[in-house]
Amino acid sequence: MAELQRQGCWSLALSPLHVARIEPWYYPNPALYTTFVSSSPVTEDGTAAAVDVLVEAFLEEKERGGGFVEAEEDVYKLMRLVRTLVAKERARAAWRVYKAEVRMGGCEVHEYIYRVMARGMKWLGFEAEAAKVEADFREWEARILPPAKDVLDEMRAKPPPPPPPPPPPRLRGDETKKKKKPDVRTAAEAAQGLQRHEVERRKKQPPPPKQEKAKRVVRWKCAAGCGACCKLDKGPDFPSPEEIFAEHPEDLKLYKSMIGADGWCINYDKSTRTCNIYEERPVFCRVEPKVFEEYFGVPSRPSTFDREACSACVDTIKMVYGEESAELTNFKRVIREESKFRRHQWPIM
């Protein structure tokens, strides 16, 4: 029968059911009728009438077998049958099953079947039947569910639970017995034969102090063959001579007199990239801590002076020769080697 229903031959599946109904071993199972109702096609003519006839046959078989007996009925299967009939819009058939089961049979059903029947009857337009189901539900609720006040009174009337028994007294031997210390050794330490107290002593020892790494120290050194600082007219991106020599008017006059037509120093030899008056060059041409402090306000500490001098040279070389120039690469190499050499000679602790 299940295979015929699966293939859509619903009318043909009724034939084995009618044959089984006349057998002495047959028992009217609500789940079997629920399967037939749920698989019934809606579009075929005569299917609705066949469903009604099928439900009537089920009720006749139940009545012939003694009706709905409270202790023998599967309420869940009956609830599925009623719900399926409501879903298939067979209101009369659903009302017949509900009436025979609840109103006449006296079966105690769940709250769910009352709600399904009440909503289903209203949805299908049977207001009178829906009102009867709601009245049955109120009667069932008053009989099954006690009022909240009675439940609270019953809970208050119950005696309080007895207090828990006191803990057993401790034996005298337990007070003097010392707790055994847990073994803190690992499997490897136990295999080496180390005693527990030796392992604990090792773990209590403070860890060795960490050695601080020496900080990288930058040292300035002039790179031979550069000459970028001899470009005296450096443009608007650098401080003007008036700003640098604001407190030294004589140096300002000398500085301007040294600027050639192309912006380079008149004492600079471009062919050899050397200074013609290097030994007698002015004070402001010397890269020294005192000069930087006097003209630029840079503290004369060695670390600060070296950092500012390297930064000034890098900016000047980028302006004169470019950021990808060989002069800039050579200057960085010289500074790197000079810093490494001096740090090796005078490490800073």
C-alpha atoms as a PDB file:
ATOM      1  CA  MET A   1       0.000   0.000   0.000  1.00  0.00           C
ATOM      2  CA  ALA A   2       2.823   2.400   0.807  1.00  0.00           C
ATOM      3  CA  GLU A   3       4.490   1.753  -2.570  1.00  0.00           C
ATOM      4  CA  LEU A   4       1.225   2.360  -4.448  1.00  0.00           C
ATOM      5  CA  GLN A   5       0.707   5.623  -2.581  1.00  0.00           C
ATOM      6  CA  ARG A   6       4.275   6.686  -3.360  1.00  0.00           C
ATOM      7  CA  GLN A   7       3.686   6.059  -7.076  1.00  0.00           C
ATOM      8  CA  GLY A   8       0.474   8.131  -7.022  1.00  0.00           C
ATOM      9  CA  CYS A   9      -1.968   5.202  -7.376  1.00  0.00           C
ATOM     10  CA  TRP A  10      -4.067   6.248  -4.403  1.00  0.00           C
ATOM     11  CA  SER A  11      -7.351   4.644  -5.496  1.00  0.00           C
ATOM     12  CA  LEU A  12      -5.572   1.382  -6.289  1.00  0.00           C
ATOM     13  CA  ALA A  13      -3.963   1.386  -2.825  1.00  0.00           C
ATOM     14  CA  LEU A  14      -7.434   1.297  -1.225  1.00  0.00           C
ATOM     15  CA  SER A  15      -8.033  -2.227  -2.559  1.00  0.00           C
ATOM     16  CA  PRO A  16      -5.465  -3.960  -0.274  1.00  0.00           C
ATOM     17  CA  LEU A  17      -6.871  -1.958   2.646  1.00  0.00           C
ATOM     18  CA  HIS A  18     -10.417  -3.197   2.022  1.00  0.00           C
ATOM     19  CA  VAL A  19      -9.102  -6.757   1.725  1.00  0.00           C
ATOM     20  CA  ALA A  20      -7.171  -6.450   5.011  1.00  0.00           C
ATOM     21  CA  ARG A  21     -10.204  -5.079   6.871  1.00  0.00           C
ATOM     22  CA  ILE A  22     -12.099  -8.391   6.617  1.00  0.00           C
ATOM     23  CA  GLU A  23      -9.226 -10.383   8.108  1.00  0.00           C
ATOM     24  CA  PRO A  24      -9.545 -11.431  11.777  1.00  0.00           C
ATOM     25  CA  TRP A  25      -6.090 -10.112  12.662  1.00  0.00           C
ATOM     26  CA  TYR A  26      -6.836  -6.607  11.360  1.00  0.00           C
ATOM     27  CA  TYR A  27      -6.733  -3.755  13.887  1.00  0.00           C
ATOM     28  CA  PRO A  28      -7.904  -0.212  12.972  1.00  0.00           C
ATOM     29  CA  ASN A  29      -4.658   1.731  13.308  1.00  0.00           C
ATOM     30  CA  PRO A  30      -5.082   5.555  13.158  1.00  0.00           C
ATOM     31  CA  ALA A  31      -1.594   5.941  11.651  1.00  0.00           C
ATOM     32  CA  LEU A  32      -2.607   3.857   8.599  1.00  0.00           C
ATOM     33  CA  TYR A  33      -5.632   6.054   7.921  1.00  0.00           C
ATOM     34  CA  THR A  34      -3.537   9.178   8.478  1.00  0.00           C
ATOM     35  CA  THR A  35      -1.171   8.000   5.724  1.00  0.00           C
ATOM     36  CA  PHE A  36      -4.057   7.501   3.295  1.00  0.00           C
ATOM     37  CA  VAL A  37      -5.570  10.907   4.086  1.00  0.00           C
ATOM     38  CA  SER A  38      -2.262  12.785   3.769  1.00  0.00           C
ATOM     39  CA  SER A  39      -1.423  11.112   0.419  1.00  0.00           C
ATOM     40  CA  SER A  40      -4.870  11.639  -1.109  1.00  0.00           C
ATOM     41  CA  PRO A  41      -4.754  13.804  -4.274  1.00  0.00           C
ATOM     42  CA  VAL A  42      -6.732  17.016  -4.103  1.00  0.00           C
ATOM     43  CA  THR A  43      -7.376  17.453  -7.827  1.00  0.00           C
ATOM     44  CA  GLU A  44      -9.033  14.110  -8.569  1.00  0.00           C
ATOM     45  CA  ASP A  45     -12.831  13.989  -8.547  1.00  0.00           C
ATOM     46  CA  GLY A  46     -14.360  11.813  -5.875  1.00  0.00           C
ATOM     47  CA  THR A  47     -11.274  11.813  -3.657  1.00  0.00           C
ATOM     48  CA  ALA A  48     -12.906  13.985  -0.979  1.00  0.00           C
ATOM     49  CA  ALA A  49     -15.892  11.661  -0.788  1.00  0.00           C
ATOM     50  CA  ALA A  50     -13.573   8.656  -0.627  1.00  0.00           C
ATOM     51  CA  VAL A  51     -11.754  10.247   2.326  1.00  0.00           C
ATOM     52  CA  ASP A  52     -15.057  10.761   4.142  1.00  0.00           C
ATOM     53  CA  VAL A  53     -16.023   7.128   3.476  1.00  0.00           C
ATOM     54  CA  LEU A  54     -12.615   6.006   4.749  1.00  0.00           C
ATOM     55  CA  VAL A  55     -13.055   7.947   8.005  1.00  0.00           C
ATOM     56  CA  GLU A  56     -16.577   6.563   8.470  1.00  0.00           C
ATOM     57  CA  ALA A  57     -15.213   3.046   8.015  1.00  0.00           C
ATOM     58  CA  PHE A  58     -12.543   3.747  10.647  1.00  0.00           C
ATOM     59  CA  LEU A  59     -15.150   4.969  13.143  1.00  0.00           C
ATOM     60  CA  GLU A  60     -17.396   1.958  12.463  1.00  0.00           C
ATOM     61  CA  GLU A  61     -14.486  -0.405  13.075  1.00  0.00           C
ATOM     62  CA  LYS A  62     -13.647   1.366  16.344  1.00  0.00           C
ATOM     63  CA  GLU A  63     -17.281   1.212  17.459  1.00  0.00           C
ATOM     64  CA  ARG A  64     -17.538  -2.456  16.524  1.00  0.00           C
ATOM     65  CA  GLY A  65     -14.376  -3.140  18.507  1.00  0.00           C
ATOM     66  CA  GLY A  66     -15.636  -1.440  21.660  1.00  0.00           C
ATOM     67  CA  GLY A  67     -15.110   2.240  20.839  1.00  0.00           C
ATOM     68  CA  PHE A  68     -12.304   4.462  22.042  1.00  0.00           C
ATOM     69  CA  VAL A  69     -10.856   3.013  25.256  1.00  0.00           C
ATOM     70  CA  GLU A  70      -8.823   5.411  27.402  1.00  0.00           C
ATOM     71  CA  ALA A  71      -6.024   3.054  28.389  1.00  0.00           C
ATOM     72  CA  GLU A  72      -5.650   1.405  24.958  1.00  0.00           C
ATOM     73  CA  GLU A  73      -5.622   4.399  22.598  1.00  0.00           C
ATOM     74  CA  ASP A  74      -2.537   6.047  21.131  1.00  0.00           C
ATOM     75  CA  VAL A  75      -3.475   9.691  21.605  1.00  0.00           C
ATOM     76  CA  TYR A  76      -0.590  10.907  19.447  1.00  0.00           C
ATOM     77  CA  LYS A  77      -1.765   8.876  16.405  1.00  0.00           C
ATOM     78  CA  LEU A  78      -5.345  10.125  16.829  1.00  0.00           C
ATOM     79  CA  MET A  79      -4.050  13.690  17.061  1.00  0.00           C
ATOM     80  CA  ARG A  80      -2.145  13.226  13.771  1.00  0.00           C
ATOM     81  CA  LEU A  81      -5.317  11.948  12.074  1.00  0.00           C
ATOM     82  CA  VAL A  82      -7.347  14.977  13.217  1.00  0.00           C
ATOM     83  CA  ARG A  83      -4.609  17.401  12.190  1.00  0.00           C
ATOM     84  CA  THR A  84      -4.308  15.793   8.729  1.00  0.00           C
ATOM     85  CA  LEU A  85      -8.076  15.980   8.154  1.00  0.00           C
ATOM     86  CA  VAL A  86      -8.064  19.683   9.049  1.00  0.00           C
ATOM     87  CA  ALA A  87      -5.148  20.303   6.679  1.00  0.00           C
ATOM     88  CA  LYS A  88      -7.055  18.504   3.865  1.00  0.00           C
ATOM     89  CA  GLU A  89     -10.108  20.727   4.625  1.00  0.00           C
ATOM     90  CA  ARG A  90     -12.269  17.761   5.595  1.00  0.00           C
ATOM     91  CA  ALA A  91     -14.000  19.547   8.478  1.00  0.00           C
ATOM     92  CA  ARG A  92     -16.935  17.133   8.823  1.00  0.00           C
ATOM     93  CA  ALA A  93     -14.673  14.109   8.991  1.00  0.00           C
ATOM     94  CA  ALA A  94     -12.383  15.809  11.537  1.00  0.00           C
ATOM     95  CA  TRP A  95     -15.402  16.737  13.670  1.00  0.00           C
ATOM     96  CA  ARG A  96     -16.702  13.141  13.535  1.00  0.00           C
ATOM     97  CA  VAL A  97     -13.345  11.772  14.773  1.00  0.00           C
ATOM     98  CA  TYR A  98     -13.067  14.438  17.482  1.00  0.00           C
ATOM     99  CA  LYS A  99     -16.647  13.861  18.641  1.00  0.00           C
ATOM    100  CA  ALA A 100     -16.248  10.073  18.794  1.00  0.00           C
ATOM    101  CA  GLU A 101     -12.868  10.312  20.497  1.00  0.00           C
ATOM    102  CA  VAL A 102     -13.272  13.167  22.998  1.00  0.00           C
ATOM    103  CA  ARG A 103     -16.911  14.107  23.472  1.00  0.00           C
ATOM    104  CA  MET A 104     -18.334  10.576  23.398  1.00  0.00           C
ATOM    105  CA  GLY A 105     -15.335   8.315  23.904  1.00  0.00           C
ATOM    106  CA  GLY A 106     -13.983  10.211  26.900  1.00  0.00           C
ATOM    107  CA  CYS A 107     -10.315  10.022  25.922  1.00  0.00           C
ATOM    108  CA  GLU A 108      -7.960  12.395  27.698  1.00  0.00           C
ATOM    109  CA  VAL A 109      -6.085  14.185  24.927  1.00  0.00           C
ATOM    110  CA  HIS A 110      -3.437  16.881  24.912  1.00  0.00           C
ATOM    111  CA  GLU A 111      -3.981  20.624  24.824  1.00  0.00           C
ATOM    112  CA  TYR A 112      -2.670  20.650  21.258  1.00  0.00           C
ATOM    113  CA  ILE A 113      -5.665  18.792  19.779  1.00  0.00           C
ATOM    114  CA  TYR A 114      -8.097  21.332  21.261  1.00  0.00           C
ATOM    115  CA  ARG A 115      -6.162  24.212  19.741  1.00  0.00           C
ATOM    116  CA  VAL A 116      -5.864  22.492  16.335  1.00  0.00           C
ATOM    117  CA  MET A 117      -9.582  21.738  16.215  1.00  0.00           C
ATOM    118  CA  ALA A 118     -10.655  25.211  17.382  1.00  0.00           C
ATOM    119  CA  ARG A 119      -8.472  27.024  14.860  1.00  0.00           C
ATOM    120  CA  GLY A 120      -9.259  24.535  12.082  1.00  0.00           C
ATOM    121  CA  MET A 121     -13.013  24.803  12.523  1.00  0.00           C
ATOM    122  CA  LYS A 122     -12.839  28.611  12.487  1.00  0.00           C
ATOM    123  CA  TRP A 123     -10.611  28.550   9.415  1.00  0.00           C
ATOM    124  CA  LEU A 124     -13.038  26.233   7.567  1.00  0.00           C
ATOM    125  CA  GLY A 125     -16.089  28.302   8.591  1.00  0.00           C
ATOM    126  CA  PHE A 126     -17.599  26.026  11.254  1.00  0.00           C
ATOM    127  CA  GLU A 127     -18.070  28.554  14.043  1.00  0.00           C
ATOM    128  CA  ALA A 128     -20.513  26.453  16.096  1.00  0.00           C
ATOM    129  CA  GLU A 129     -18.171  23.468  16.207  1.00  0.00           C
ATOM    130  CA  ALA A 130     -15.245  25.777  17.078  1.00  0.00           C
ATOM    131  CA  ALA A 131     -17.227  27.196  20.024  1.00  0.00           C
ATOM    132  CA  LYS A 132     -17.947  23.672  21.294  1.00  0.00           C
ATOM    133  CA  VAL A 133     -14.250  22.756  21.087  1.00  0.00           C
ATOM    134  CA  GLU A 134     -13.296  25.886  23.042  1.00  0.00           C
ATOM    135  CA  ALA A 135     -15.883  25.025  25.708  1.00  0.00           C
ATOM    136  CA  ASP A 136     -14.459  21.494  25.944  1.00  0.00           C
ATOM    137  CA  PHE A 137     -10.971  22.971  26.300  1.00  0.00           C
ATOM    138  CA  ARG A 138     -12.018  25.262  29.168  1.00  0.00           C
ATOM    139  CA  GLU A 139     -13.654  22.343  30.942  1.00  0.00           C
ATOM    140  CA  TRP A 140     -10.569  20.180  30.429  1.00  0.00           C
ATOM    141  CA  GLU A 141      -8.280  22.974  31.631  1.00  0.00           C
ATOM    142  CA  ALA A 142     -10.312  23.490  34.800  1.00  0.00           C
ATOM    143  CA  ARG A 143     -10.265  19.760  35.509  1.00  0.00           C
ATOM    144  CA  ILE A 144      -6.657  18.973  34.638  1.00  0.00           C
ATOM    145  CA  LEU A 145      -4.790  22.146  35.552  1.00  0.00           C
ATOM    146  CA  PRO A 146      -5.367  23.271  39.166  1.00  0.00           C
ATOM    147  CA  PRO A 147      -5.530  27.003  39.883  1.00  0.00           C
ATOM    148  CA  ALA A 148      -2.287  28.712  40.726  1.00  0.00           C
ATOM    149  CA  LYS A 149      -3.513  29.630  44.224  1.00  0.00           C
ATOM    150  CA  ASP A 150      -4.100  25.994  45.119  1.00  0.00           C
ATOM    151  CA  VAL A 151      -0.622  25.076  43.909  1.00  0.00           C
ATOM    152  CA  LEU A 152       0.962  27.826  46.020  1.00  0.00           C
ATOM    153  CA  ASP A 153      -1.059  26.816  49.084  1.00  0.00           C
ATOM    154  CA  GLU A 154       0.019  23.231  48.603  1.00  0.00           C
ATOM    155  CA  MET A 155       3.657  24.266  48.327  1.00  0.00           C
ATOM    156  CA  ARG A 156       3.411  26.385  51.487  1.00  0.00           C
ATOM    157  CA  ALA A 157       1.745  23.546  53.382  1.00  0.00           C
ATOM    158  CA  LYS A 158       4.653  21.207  52.715  1.00  0.00           C
ATOM    159  CA  PRO A 159       7.090  20.982  55.622  1.00  0.00           C
ATOM    160  CA  PRO A 160      10.567  22.379  55.002  1.00  0.00           C
ATOM    161  CA  PRO A 161      13.227  19.847  54.083  1.00  0.00           C
ATOM    162  CA  PRO A 162      15.312  18.538  56.978  1.00  0.00           C
ATOM    163  CA  PRO A 163      18.739  20.125  57.471  1.00  0.00           C
ATOM    164  CA  PRO A 164      21.720  18.221  56.112  1.00  0.00           C
ATOM    165  CA  PRO A 165      23.475  15.911  58.561  1.00  0.00           C
ATOM    166  CA  PRO A 166      26.581  17.301  60.278  1.00  0.00           C
ATOM    167  CA  PRO A 167      29.952  16.219  58.922  1.00  0.00           C
ATOM    168  CA  PRO A 168      31.554  13.230  60.649  1.00  0.00           C
ATOM    169  CA  PRO A 169      34.055  14.094  63.397  1.00  0.00           C
ATOM    170  CA  ARG A 170      37.704  14.026  62.474  1.00  0.00           C
ATOM    171  CA  LEU A 171      39.838  11.308  63.957  1.00  0.00           C
ATOM    172  CA  ARG A 172      42.701  12.236  66.219  1.00  0.00           C
ATOM    173  CA  GLY A 173      45.211  10.638  63.927  1.00  0.00           C
ATOM    174  CA  ASP A 174      44.185  12.891  61.025  1.00  0.00           C
ATOM    175  CA  GLU A 175      45.162  16.043  62.947  1.00  0.00           C
ATOM    176  CA  THR A 176      48.795  15.022  63.396  1.00  0.00           C
ATOM    177  CA  LYS A 177      49.202  13.322  60.061  1.00  0.00           C
ATOM    178  CA  LYS A 178      51.277  15.410  57.671  1.00  0.00           C
ATOM    179  CA  LYS A 179      50.238  15.747  54.099  1.00  0.00           C
ATOM    180  CA  LYS A 180      52.609  14.240  51.629  1.00  0.00           C
ATOM    181  CA  LYS A 181      54.163  16.799  49.341  1.00  0.00           C
ATOM    182  CA  PRO A 182      53.458  16.270  45.666  1.00  0.00           C
ATOM    183  CA  ASP A 183      56.288  15.080  43.497  1.00  0.00           C
ATOM    184  CA  VAL A 184      57.385  18.024  41.373  1.00  0.00           C
ATOM    185  CA  ARG A 185      59.863  16.032  39.327  1.00  0.00           C
ATOM    186  CA  THR A 186      59.285  15.312  35.676  1.00  0.00           C
ATOM    187  CA  ALA A 187      59.757  11.869  34.203  1.00  0.00           C
ATOM    188  CA  ALA A 188      63.162  12.848  32.789  1.00  0.00           C
ATOM    189  CA  GLU A 189      64.354  14.238  36.140  1.00  0.00           C
ATOM    190  CA  ALA A 190      63.176  11.135  37.986  1.00  0.00           C
ATOM    191  CA  ALA A 191      65.002   8.945  35.456  1.00  0.00           C
ATOM    192  CA  GLN A 192      68.216  10.914  36.089  1.00  0.00           C
ATOM    193  CA  GLY A 193      67.964  10.136  39.808  1.00  0.00           C
ATOM    194  CA  LEU A 194      67.459  13.723  40.952  1.00  0.00           C
ATOM    195  CA  GLN A 195      65.921  14.061  44.398  1.00  0.00           C
ATOM    196  CA  ARG A 196      62.814  16.117  44.980  1.00  0.00           C
ATOM    197  CA  HIS A 197      64.484  18.720  47.201  1.00  0.00           C
ATOM    198  CA  GLU A 198      67.204  19.258  44.588  1.00  0.00           C
ATOM    199  CA  VAL A 199      64.612  19.878  41.865  1.00  0.00           C
ATOM    200  CA  GLU A 200      62.753  22.342  44.119  1.00  0.00           C
ATOM    201  CA  ARG A 201      66.003  24.176  44.890  1.00  0.00           C
ATOM    202  CA  ARG A 202      66.780  24.534  41.197  1.00  0.00           C
ATOM    203  CA  LYS A 203      63.328  25.895  40.449  1.00  0.00           C
ATOM    204  CA  LYS A 204      63.581  28.466  43.260  1.00  0.00           C
ATOM    205  CA  GLN A 205      66.856  29.872  41.947  1.00  0.00           C
ATOM    206  CA  PRO A 206      66.392  33.197  40.137  1.00  0.00           C
ATOM    207  CA  PRO A 207      66.990  33.113  36.396  1.00  0.00           C
ATOM    208  CA  PRO A 208      70.293  34.542  35.158  1.00  0.00           C
ATOM    209  CA  PRO A 209      70.142  38.246  34.274  1.00  0.00           C
ATOM    210  CA  LYS A 210      69.602  39.020  30.646  1.00  0.00           C
ATOM    211  CA  GLN A 211      72.449  40.766  28.911  1.00  0.00           C
ATOM    212  CA  GLU A 212      71.366  43.988  27.322  1.00  0.00           C
ATOM    213  CA  LYS A 213      72.228  44.344  23.685  1.00  0.00           C
ATOM    214  CA  ALA A 214      74.496  47.214  22.795  1.00  0.00           C
ATOM    215  CA  LYS A 215      72.619  50.007  21.084  1.00  0.00           C
ATOM    216  CA  ARG A 216      73.590  50.861  17.556  1.00  0.00           C
ATOM    217  CA  VAL A 217      75.661  54.059  17.561  1.00  0.00           C
ATOM    218  CA  VAL A 218      75.833  56.232  14.441  1.00  0.00           C
ATOM    219  CA  ARG A 219      79.135  58.035  13.836  1.00  0.00           C
ATOM    220  CA  TRP A 220      79.574  60.768  11.246  1.00  0.00           C
ATOM    221  CA  LYS A 221      82.467  60.877   8.800  1.00  0.00           C
ATOM    222  CA  CYS A 222      82.981  62.889   5.646  1.00  0.00           C
ATOM    223  CA  ALA A 223      82.918  60.823   2.452  1.00  0.00           C
ATOM    224  CA  ALA A 224      85.741  61.774   0.096  1.00  0.00           C
ATOM    225  CA  GLY A 225      84.692  62.875  -3.382  1.00  0.00           C
ATOM    226  CA  CYS A 226      81.229  64.083  -2.318  1.00  0.00           C
ATOM    227  CA  GLY A 227      81.328  67.907  -2.150  1.00  0.00           C
ATOM    228  CA  ALA A 228      77.546  68.282  -1.709  1.00  0.00           C
ATOM    229  CA  CYS A 229      78.015  70.687   1.209  1.00  0.00           C
ATOM    230  CA  CYS A 230      79.886  73.075  -1.130  1.00  0.00           C
ATOM    231  CA  LYS A 231      76.603  73.795  -2.916  1.00  0.00           C
ATOM    232  CA  LEU A 232      75.947  77.035  -1.004  1.00  0.00           C
ATOM    233  CA  ASP A 233      72.707  78.055  -2.768  1.00  0.00           C
ATOM    234  CA  LYS A 234      70.541  75.144  -1.611  1.00  0.00           C
ATOM    235  CA  GLY A 235      67.119  76.497  -2.554  1.00  0.00           C
ATOM    236  CA  PRO A 236      63.875  77.127  -0.633  1.00  0.00           C
ATOM    237  CA  ASP A 237      63.751  73.679   1.040  1.00  0.00           C
ATOM    238  CA  PHE A 238      66.698  74.570   3.290  1.00  0.00           C
ATOM    239  CA  PRO A 239      67.145  77.407   5.837  1.00  0.00           C
ATOM    240  CA  SER A 240      68.237  80.678   4.233  1.00  0.00           C
ATOM    241  CA  PRO A 241      71.634  82.253   5.085  1.00  0.00           C
ATOM    242  CA  GLU A 242      69.822  85.069   6.896  1.00  0.00           C
ATOM    243  CA  GLU A 243      68.208  82.523   9.247  1.00  0.00           C
ATOM    244  CA  ILE A 244      71.452  80.652   9.893  1.00  0.00           C
ATOM    245  CA  PHE A 245      73.659  83.721  10.439  1.00  0.00           C
ATOM    246  CA  ALA A 246      71.095  85.931  12.186  1.00  0.00           C
ATOM    247  CA  GLU A 247      73.490  86.499  15.104  1.00  0.00           C
ATOM    248  CA  HIS A 248      76.661  86.539  12.966  1.00  0.00           C
ATOM    249  CA  PRO A 249      76.451  89.346  10.384  1.00  0.00           C
ATOM    250  CA  GLU A 250      80.149  89.113   9.462  1.00  0.00           C
ATOM    251  CA  ASP A 251      79.780  85.405   8.663  1.00  0.00           C
ATOM    252  CA  LEU A 252      76.666  86.179   6.598  1.00  0.00           C
ATOM    253  CA  LYS A 253      78.618  88.680   4.498  1.00  0.00           C
ATOM    254  CA  LEU A 254      81.473  86.199   3.996  1.00  0.00           C
ATOM    255  CA  TYR A 255      79.065  83.359   3.131  1.00  0.00           C
ATOM    256  CA  LYS A 256      77.312  85.390   0.417  1.00  0.00           C
ATOM    257  CA  SER A 257      80.633  86.484  -1.062  1.00  0.00           C
ATOM    258  CA  MET A 258      81.611  82.827  -1.529  1.00  0.00           C
ATOM    259  CA  ILE A 259      78.512  81.918  -3.623  1.00  0.00           C
ATOM    260  CA  GLY A 260      79.335  81.682  -7.318  1.00  0.00           C
ATOM    261  CA  ALA A 261      77.053  82.279 -10.295  1.00  0.00           C
ATOM    262  CA  ASP A 262      76.084  78.580 -10.455  1.00  0.00           C
ATOM    263  CA  GLY A 263      75.342  78.414  -6.711  1.00  0.00           C
ATOM    264  CA  TRP A 264      78.529  76.492  -5.855  1.00  0.00           C
ATOM    265  CA  CYS A 265      81.336  77.796  -3.650  1.00  0.00           C
ATOM    266  CA  ILE A 266      83.976  79.717  -5.588  1.00  0.00           C
ATOM    267  CA  ASN A 267      86.697  77.767  -3.739  1.00  0.00           C
ATOM    268  CA  TYR A 268      85.324  74.356  -4.827  1.00  0.00           C
ATOM    269  CA  ASP A 269      87.162  72.519  -7.631  1.00  0.00           C
ATOM    270  CA  LYS A 270      84.526  70.502  -9.525  1.00  0.00           C
ATOM    271  CA  SER A 271      87.070  68.497 -11.482  1.00  0.00           C
ATOM    272  CA  THR A 272      88.682  66.985  -8.384  1.00  0.00           C
ATOM    273  CA  ARG A 273      85.756  67.573  -5.997  1.00  0.00           C
ATOM    274  CA  THR A 274      88.055  69.122  -3.405  1.00  0.00           C
ATOM    275  CA  CYS A 275      88.283  72.464  -1.567  1.00  0.00           C
ATOM    276  CA  ASN A 276      91.130  74.791  -2.543  1.00  0.00           C
ATOM    277  CA  ILE A 277      91.235  76.424   0.927  1.00  0.00           C
ATOM    278  CA  TYR A 278      90.401  73.342   2.992  1.00  0.00           C
ATOM    279  CA  GLU A 279      93.009  74.039   5.698  1.00  0.00           C
ATOM    280  CA  GLU A 280      92.017  77.745   5.947  1.00  0.00           C
ATOM    281  CA  ARG A 281      88.242  77.283   5.359  1.00  0.00           C
ATOM    282  CA  PRO A 282      85.825  79.419   7.452  1.00  0.00           C
ATOM    283  CA  VAL A 283      84.412  78.219  10.760  1.00  0.00           C
ATOM    284  CA  PHE A 284      80.901  77.636   9.396  1.00  0.00           C
ATOM    285  CA  CYS A 285      82.341  75.198   6.818  1.00  0.00           C
ATOM    286  CA  ARG A 286      83.634  72.889   9.560  1.00  0.00           C
ATOM    287  CA  VAL A 287      81.433  69.972  10.711  1.00  0.00           C
ATOM    288  CA  GLU A 288      82.151  70.041  14.436  1.00  0.00           C
ATOM    289  CA  PRO A 289      79.966  69.861  17.589  1.00  0.00           C
ATOM    290  CA  LYS A 290      80.725  73.465  18.629  1.00  0.00           C
ATOM    291  CA  VAL A 291      79.853  74.809  15.166  1.00  0.00           C
ATOM    292  CA  PHE A 292      76.524  72.946  15.081  1.00  0.00           C
ATOM    293  CA  GLU A 293      75.645  74.184  18.556  1.00  0.00           C
ATOM    294  CA  GLU A 294      76.506  77.808  17.750  1.00  0.00           C
ATOM    295  CA  TYR A 295      74.870  78.082  14.316  1.00  0.00           C
ATOM    296  CA  PHE A 296      72.085  75.467  14.397  1.00  0.00           C
ATOM    297  CA  GLY A 297      71.329  75.062  18.119  1.00  0.00           C
ATOM    298  CA  VAL A 298      72.228  71.344  18.144  1.00  0.00           C
ATOM    299  CA  PRO A 299      73.510  70.106  21.548  1.00  0.00           C
ATOM    300  CA  SER A 300      77.185  69.237  21.517  1.00  0.00           C
ATOM    301  CA  ARG A 301      76.640  65.718  22.856  1.00  0.00           C
ATOM    302  CA  PRO A 302      78.447  63.234  20.574  1.00  0.00           C
ATOM    303  CA  SER A 303      75.401  61.068  19.886  1.00  0.00           C
ATOM    304  CA  THR A 304      73.173  64.057  19.039  1.00  0.00           C
ATOM    305  CA  PHE A 305      75.828  65.736  16.907  1.00  0.00           C
ATOM    306  CA  ASP A 306      76.575  62.574  14.892  1.00  0.00           C
ATOM    307  CA  ARG A 307      72.876  61.932  14.252  1.00  0.00           C
ATOM    308  CA  GLU A 308      72.152  65.519  13.127  1.00  0.00           C
ATOM    309  CA  ALA A 309      75.303  65.713  10.995  1.00  0.00           C
ATOM    310  CA  CYS A 310      74.434  62.472   9.176  1.00  0.00           C
ATOM    311  CA  SER A 311      70.857  63.669   8.621  1.00  0.00           C
ATOM    312  CA  ALA A 312      72.039  67.015   7.212  1.00  0.00           C
ATOM    313  CA  CYS A 313      74.471  65.305   4.828  1.00  0.00           C
ATOM    314  CA  VAL A 314      71.804  62.869   3.574  1.00  0.00           C
ATOM    315  CA  ASP A 315      69.348  65.706   2.853  1.00  0.00           C
ATOM    316  CA  THR A 316      72.008  67.761   1.058  1.00  0.00           C
ATOM    317  CA  ILE A 317      73.221  64.828  -1.078  1.00  0.00           C
ATOM    318  CA  LYS A 318      69.627  64.007  -2.096  1.00  0.00           C
ATOM    319  CA  MET A 319      69.070  67.642  -3.123  1.00  0.00           C
ATOM    320  CA  VAL A 320      72.322  67.921  -5.109  1.00  0.00           C
ATOM    321  CA  TYR A 321      72.779  64.453  -6.649  1.00  0.00           C
ATOM    322  CA  GLY A 322      69.388  62.705  -6.201  1.00  0.00           C
ATOM    323  CA  GLU A 323      67.987  59.913  -4.034  1.00  0.00           C
ATOM    324  CA  GLU A 324      69.368  57.118  -6.248  1.00  0.00           C
ATOM    325  CA  SER A 325      72.820  58.638  -6.697  1.00  0.00           C
ATOM    326  CA  ALA A 326      76.125  56.855  -6.213  1.00  0.00           C
ATOM    327  CA  GLU A 327      77.240  59.638  -3.852  1.00  0.00           C
ATOM    328  CA  LEU A 328      74.409  58.800  -1.415  1.00  0.00           C
ATOM    329  CA  THR A 329      75.207  55.075  -1.545  1.00  0.00           C
ATOM    330  CA  ASN A 330      78.885  55.783  -0.896  1.00  0.00           C
ATOM    331  CA  PHE A 331      78.075  58.081   2.062  1.00  0.00           C
ATOM    332  CA  LYS A 332      75.865  55.441   3.694  1.00  0.00           C
ATOM    333  CA  ARG A 333      78.623  52.850   3.268  1.00  0.00           C
ATOM    334  CA  VAL A 334      81.179  55.155   4.913  1.00  0.00           C
ATOM    335  CA  ILE A 335      78.849  55.883   7.854  1.00  0.00           C
ATOM    336  CA  ARG A 336      78.083  52.187   8.304  1.00  0.00           C
ATOM    337  CA  GLU A 337      81.763  51.245   8.408  1.00  0.00           C
ATOM    338  CA  GLU A 338      82.677  54.167  10.676  1.00  0.00           C
ATOM    339  CA  SER A 339      79.893  53.341  13.148  1.00  0.00           C
ATOM    340  CA  LYS A 340      80.917  49.686  13.270  1.00  0.00           C
ATOM    341  CA  PHE A 341      84.587  50.556  13.775  1.00  0.00           C
ATOM    342  CA  ARG A 342      83.994  53.077  16.557  1.00  0.00           C
ATOM    343  CA  ARG A 343      81.492  50.872  18.380  1.00  0.00           C
ATOM    344  CA  HIS A 344      84.078  48.104  18.408  1.00  0.00           C
ATOM    345  CA  GLN A 345      86.699  50.459  19.889  1.00  0.00           C
ATOM    346  CA  TRP A 346      84.473  52.288  22.399  1.00  0.00           C
ATOM    347  CA  PRO A 347      81.415  50.199  23.218  1.00  0.00           C
ATOM    348  CA  ILE A 348      78.600  52.058  24.971  1.00  0.00           C
ATOM    349  CA  MET A 349      77.538  50.163  28.098  1.00  0.00           C
END
